[in-house]
Amino acid sequence: MDIINAIVNGATSVEAVKKETYATMGTGCCIQQVERLIECLTTPEPKKRRARKTK
């Protein structure tokens, strides 16, 4: 949860998450997971298109 909270609160890079949570400081095997979390949590959802009314 610390990593997710850091991202939601503005950490938008692996380095920023690392500073906030110490994630990726071991063997670095979780860097890709942190990158994916950043991508998922910071990319806005596409707007849904309204259905057109047909006559």
PDB file of N, CA and C in Angstrom:
ATOM      1  N   MET A   1       0.816  -1.202   0.000  1.00  0.00           N
ATOM      2  CA  MET A   1       0.000   0.000   0.000  1.00  0.00           C
ATOM      3  C   MET A   1       0.856   1.262   0.000  1.00  0.00           C
ATOM      4  N   ASP A   2       2.041   1.192   0.583  1.00  0.00           N
ATOM      5  CA  ASP A   2       2.902   2.373   0.620  1.00  0.00           C
ATOM      6  C   ASP A   2       3.264   2.834  -0.792  1.00  0.00           C
ATOM      7  N   ILE A   3       3.536   1.884  -1.678  1.00  0.00           N
ATOM      8  CA  ILE A   3       3.900   2.236  -3.052  1.00  0.00           C
ATOM      9  C   ILE A   3       2.716   2.877  -3.760  1.00  0.00           C
ATOM     10  N   ILE A   4       1.550   2.297  -3.624  1.00  0.00           N
ATOM     11  CA  ILE A   4       0.348   2.847  -4.261  1.00  0.00           C
ATOM     12  C   ILE A   4       0.067   4.244  -3.713  1.00  0.00           C
ATOM     13  N   ASN A   5       0.149   4.413  -2.421  1.00  0.00           N
ATOM     14  CA  ASN A   5      -0.086   5.731  -1.818  1.00  0.00           C
ATOM     15  C   ASN A   5       0.919   6.757  -2.326  1.00  0.00           C
ATOM     16  N   ALA A   6       2.172   6.365  -2.463  1.00  0.00           N
ATOM     17  CA  ALA A   6       3.193   7.286  -2.963  1.00  0.00           C
ATOM     18  C   ALA A   6       2.855   7.733  -4.381  1.00  0.00           C
ATOM     19  N   ILE A   7       2.433   6.793  -5.222  1.00  0.00           N
ATOM     20  CA  ILE A   7       2.093   7.125  -6.610  1.00  0.00           C
ATOM     21  C   ILE A   7       0.869   8.030  -6.666  1.00  0.00           C
ATOM     22  N   VAL A   8      -0.152   7.684  -5.913  1.00  0.00           N
ATOM     23  CA  VAL A   8      -1.380   8.495  -5.895  1.00  0.00           C
ATOM     24  C   VAL A   8      -1.091   9.900  -5.383  1.00  0.00           C
ATOM     25  N   ASN A   9      -0.124  10.018  -4.494  1.00  0.00           N
ATOM     26  CA  ASN A   9       0.227  11.321  -3.927  1.00  0.00           C
ATOM     27  C   ASN A   9       1.293  12.069  -4.717  1.00  0.00           C
ATOM     28  N   GLY A  10       1.610  11.594  -5.938  1.00  0.00           N
ATOM     29  CA  GLY A  10       2.466  12.383  -6.805  1.00  0.00           C
ATOM     30  C   GLY A  10       3.793  11.798  -7.232  1.00  0.00           C
ATOM     31  N   ALA A  11       4.173  10.652  -6.730  1.00  0.00           N
ATOM     32  CA  ALA A  11       5.426  10.034  -7.168  1.00  0.00           C
ATOM     33  C   ALA A  11       5.198   9.414  -8.548  1.00  0.00           C
ATOM     34  N   THR A  12       5.769  10.027  -9.585  1.00  0.00           N
ATOM     35  CA  THR A  12       5.484   9.579 -10.948  1.00  0.00           C
ATOM     36  C   THR A  12       6.695   8.956 -11.635  1.00  0.00           C
ATOM     37  N   SER A  13       7.699   8.580 -10.881  1.00  0.00           N
ATOM     38  CA  SER A  13       8.848   7.881 -11.434  1.00  0.00           C
ATOM     39  C   SER A  13       9.315   6.842 -10.421  1.00  0.00           C
ATOM     40  N   VAL A  14      10.103   5.884 -10.911  1.00  0.00           N
ATOM     41  CA  VAL A  14      10.638   4.864 -10.009  1.00  0.00           C
ATOM     42  C   VAL A  14      11.505   5.521  -8.940  1.00  0.00           C
ATOM     43  N   GLU A  15      12.288   6.501  -9.320  1.00  0.00           N
ATOM     44  CA  GLU A  15      13.140   7.206  -8.351  1.00  0.00           C
ATOM     45  C   GLU A  15      12.317   7.888  -7.257  1.00  0.00           C
ATOM     46  N   ALA A  16      11.211   8.509  -7.643  1.00  0.00           N
ATOM     47  CA  ALA A  16      10.357   9.175  -6.653  1.00  0.00           C
ATOM     48  C   ALA A  16       9.729   8.156  -5.701  1.00  0.00           C
ATOM     49  N   VAL A  17       9.289   7.032  -6.246  1.00  0.00           N
ATOM     50  CA  VAL A  17       8.725   5.974  -5.399  1.00  0.00           C
ATOM     51  C   VAL A  17       9.803   5.430  -4.467  1.00  0.00           C
ATOM     52  N   LYS A  18      10.999   5.268  -5.000  1.00  0.00           N
ATOM     53  CA  LYS A  18      12.128   4.770  -4.207  1.00  0.00           C
ATOM     54  C   LYS A  18      12.420   5.686  -3.017  1.00  0.00           C
ATOM     55  N   LYS A  19      12.421   6.994  -3.253  1.00  0.00           N
ATOM     56  CA  LYS A  19      12.674   7.958  -2.182  1.00  0.00           C
ATOM     57  C   LYS A  19      11.598   7.903  -1.104  1.00  0.00           C
ATOM     58  N   GLU A  20      10.362   7.677  -1.532  1.00  0.00           N
ATOM     59  CA  GLU A  20       9.234   7.674  -0.590  1.00  0.00           C
ATOM     60  C   GLU A  20       9.110   6.362   0.189  1.00  0.00           C
ATOM     61  N   THR A  21       9.449   5.236  -0.472  1.00  0.00           N
ATOM     62  CA  THR A  21       9.107   3.928   0.114  1.00  0.00           C
ATOM     63  C   THR A  21      10.266   2.967   0.260  1.00  0.00           C
ATOM     64  N   TYR A  22      11.400   3.273  -0.327  1.00  0.00           N
ATOM     65  CA  TYR A  22      12.561   2.382  -0.360  1.00  0.00           C
ATOM     66  C   TYR A  22      12.330   1.158  -1.244  1.00  0.00           C
ATOM     67  N   ALA A  23      11.286   1.163  -2.064  1.00  0.00           N
ATOM     68  CA  ALA A  23      11.055   0.081  -3.011  1.00  0.00           C
ATOM     69  C   ALA A  23      12.174   0.102  -4.042  1.00  0.00           C
ATOM     70  N   THR A  24      12.524  -1.025  -4.586  1.00  0.00           N
ATOM     71  CA  THR A  24      13.549  -1.242  -5.618  1.00  0.00           C
ATOM     72  C   THR A  24      14.968  -1.076  -5.096  1.00  0.00           C
ATOM     73  N   MET A  25      15.154  -0.962  -3.805  1.00  0.00           N
ATOM     74  CA  MET A  25      16.507  -0.747  -3.279  1.00  0.00           C
ATOM     75  C   MET A  25      17.255  -2.050  -3.022  1.00  0.00           C
ATOM     76  N   GLY A  26      16.562  -3.176  -3.095  1.00  0.00           N
ATOM     77  CA  GLY A  26      17.238  -4.462  -2.896  1.00  0.00           C
ATOM     78  C   GLY A  26      17.921  -4.887  -4.174  1.00  0.00           C
ATOM     79  N   THR A  27      17.457  -5.969  -4.735  1.00  0.00           N
ATOM     80  CA  THR A  27      18.040  -6.492  -5.970  1.00  0.00           C
ATOM     81  C   THR A  27      17.508  -5.777  -7.201  1.00  0.00           C
ATOM     82  N   GLY A  28      16.467  -4.970  -7.041  1.00  0.00           N
ATOM     83  CA  GLY A  28      15.896  -4.238  -8.160  1.00  0.00           C
ATOM     84  C   GLY A  28      14.939  -5.060  -9.003  1.00  0.00           C
ATOM     85  N   CYS A  29      14.598  -6.240  -8.506  1.00  0.00           N
ATOM     86  CA  CYS A  29      13.736  -7.124  -9.297  1.00  0.00           C
ATOM     87  C   CYS A  29      12.302  -6.605  -9.413  1.00  0.00           C
ATOM     88  N   CYS A  30      11.917  -5.633  -8.633  1.00  0.00           N
ATOM     89  CA  CYS A  30      10.533  -5.145  -8.670  1.00  0.00           C
ATOM     90  C   CYS A  30      10.390  -3.834  -9.456  1.00  0.00           C
ATOM     91  N   ILE A  31      11.446  -3.409 -10.135  1.00  0.00           N
ATOM     92  CA  ILE A  31      11.384  -2.145 -10.883  1.00  0.00           C
ATOM     93  C   ILE A  31      10.269  -2.178 -11.917  1.00  0.00           C
ATOM     94  N   GLN A  32      10.147  -3.281 -12.663  1.00  0.00           N
ATOM     95  CA  GLN A  32       9.104  -3.359 -13.683  1.00  0.00           C
ATOM     96  C   GLN A  32       7.710  -3.294 -13.072  1.00  0.00           C
ATOM     97  N   GLN A  33       7.520  -3.910 -11.928  1.00  0.00           N
ATOM     98  CA  GLN A  33       6.217  -3.859 -11.269  1.00  0.00           C
ATOM     99  C   GLN A  33       5.893  -2.434 -10.821  1.00  0.00           C
ATOM    100  N   VAL A  34       6.881  -1.730 -10.299  1.00  0.00           N
ATOM    101  CA  VAL A  34       6.674  -0.343  -9.879  1.00  0.00           C
ATOM    102  C   VAL A  34       6.372   0.524 -11.103  1.00  0.00           C
ATOM    103  N   GLU A  35       7.092   0.316 -12.198  1.00  0.00           N
ATOM    104  CA  GLU A  35       6.819   1.069 -13.421  1.00  0.00           C
ATOM    105  C   GLU A  35       5.392   0.835 -13.907  1.00  0.00           C
ATOM    106  N   ARG A  36       4.943  -0.402 -13.848  1.00  0.00           N
ATOM    107  CA  ARG A  36       3.587  -0.739 -14.294  1.00  0.00           C
ATOM    108  C   ARG A  36       2.542  -0.098 -13.369  1.00  0.00           C
ATOM    109  N   LEU A  37       2.775  -0.109 -12.074  1.00  0.00           N
ATOM    110  CA  LEU A  37       1.859   0.551 -11.148  1.00  0.00           C
ATOM    111  C   LEU A  37       1.770   2.046 -11.437  1.00  0.00           C
ATOM    112  N   ILE A  38       2.911   2.669 -11.688  1.00  0.00           N
ATOM    113  CA  ILE A  38       2.921   4.099 -12.026  1.00  0.00           C
ATOM    114  C   ILE A  38       2.092   4.338 -13.278  1.00  0.00           C
ATOM    115  N   GLU A  39       2.316   3.505 -14.285  1.00  0.00           N
ATOM    116  CA  GLU A  39       1.572   3.646 -15.540  1.00  0.00           C
ATOM    117  C   GLU A  39       0.070   3.497 -15.322  1.00  0.00           C
ATOM    118  N   CYS A  40      -0.316   2.482 -14.578  1.00  0.00           N
ATOM    119  CA  CYS A  40      -1.743   2.217 -14.350  1.00  0.00           C
ATOM    120  C   CYS A  40      -2.416   3.289 -13.506  1.00  0.00           C
ATOM    121  N   LEU A  41      -1.705   3.805 -12.533  1.00  0.00           N
ATOM    122  CA  LEU A  41      -2.314   4.748 -11.596  1.00  0.00           C
ATOM    123  C   LEU A  41      -2.236   6.203 -12.042  1.00  0.00           C
ATOM    124  N   THR A  42      -1.406   6.495 -13.042  1.00  0.00           N
ATOM    125  CA  THR A  42      -1.281   7.893 -13.463  1.00  0.00           C
ATOM    126  C   THR A  42      -1.843   8.162 -14.850  1.00  0.00           C
ATOM    127  N   THR A  43      -2.153   7.125 -15.602  1.00  0.00           N
ATOM    128  CA  THR A  43      -2.716   7.309 -16.930  1.00  0.00           C
ATOM    129  C   THR A  43      -4.213   7.504 -16.794  1.00  0.00           C
ATOM    130  N   PRO A  44      -4.727   8.632 -17.258  1.00  0.00           N
ATOM    131  CA  PRO A  44      -6.175   8.847 -17.142  1.00  0.00           C
ATOM    132  C   PRO A  44      -6.944   7.845 -17.999  1.00  0.00           C
ATOM    133  N   GLU A  45      -8.087   7.455 -17.497  1.00  0.00           N
ATOM    134  CA  GLU A  45      -8.938   6.538 -18.248  1.00  0.00           C
ATOM    135  C   GLU A  45      -9.483   7.256 -19.471  1.00  0.00           C
ATOM    136  N   PRO A  46      -9.579   6.546 -20.584  1.00  0.00           N
ATOM    137  CA  PRO A  46     -10.159   7.187 -21.767  1.00  0.00           C
ATOM    138  C   PRO A  46     -11.622   7.523 -21.520  1.00  0.00           C
ATOM    139  N   LYS A  47     -12.035   8.649 -22.083  1.00  0.00           N
ATOM    140  CA  LYS A  47     -13.428   9.048 -21.918  1.00  0.00           C
ATOM    141  C   LYS A  47     -14.317   8.113 -22.705  1.00  0.00           C
ATOM    142  N   LYS A  48     -15.417   7.768 -22.095  1.00  0.00           N
ATOM    143  CA  LYS A  48     -16.366   6.911 -22.777  1.00  0.00           C
ATOM    144  C   LYS A  48     -17.145   7.744 -23.784  1.00  0.00           C
ATOM    145  N   ARG A  49     -17.349   7.164 -24.935  1.00  0.00           N
ATOM    146  CA  ARG A  49     -18.109   7.861 -25.958  1.00  0.00           C
ATOM    147  C   ARG A  49     -19.586   7.684 -25.686  1.00  0.00           C
ATOM    148  N   ARG A  50     -20.311   8.753 -25.852  1.00  0.00           N
ATOM    149  CA  ARG A  50     -21.751   8.680 -25.685  1.00  0.00           C
ATOM    150  C   ARG A  50     -22.343   7.984 -26.897  1.00  0.00           C
ATOM    151  N   ALA A  51     -23.330   7.169 -26.649  1.00  0.00           N
ATOM    152  CA  ALA A  51     -24.003   6.491 -27.747  1.00  0.00           C
ATOM    153  C   ALA A  51     -24.836   7.501 -28.522  1.00  0.00           C
ATOM    154  N   ARG A  52     -24.782   7.420 -29.807  1.00  0.00           N
ATOM    155  CA  ARG A  52     -25.570   8.321 -30.649  1.00  0.00           C
ATOM    156  C   ARG A  52     -26.990   7.800 -30.740  1.00  0.00           C
ATOM    157  N   LYS A  53     -27.883   8.730 -30.697  1.00  0.00           N
ATOM    158  CA  LYS A  53     -29.282   8.358 -30.880  1.00  0.00           C
ATOM    159  C   LYS A  53     -29.539   8.133 -32.359  1.00  0.00           C
ATOM    160  N   THR A  54     -30.226   7.068 -32.662  1.00  0.00           N
ATOM    161  CA  THR A  54     -30.586   6.821 -34.052  1.00  0.00           C
ATOM    162  C   THR A  54     -32.049   7.125 -34.250  1.00  0.00           C
ATOM    163  N   LYS A  55     -32.368   7.610 -35.419  1.00  0.00           N
ATOM    164  CA  LYS A  55     -33.743   7.989 -35.713  1.00  0.00           C
ATOM    165  C   LYS A  55     -34.508   6.857 -36.292  1.00  0.00           C
TER     166      LYS A  55
END
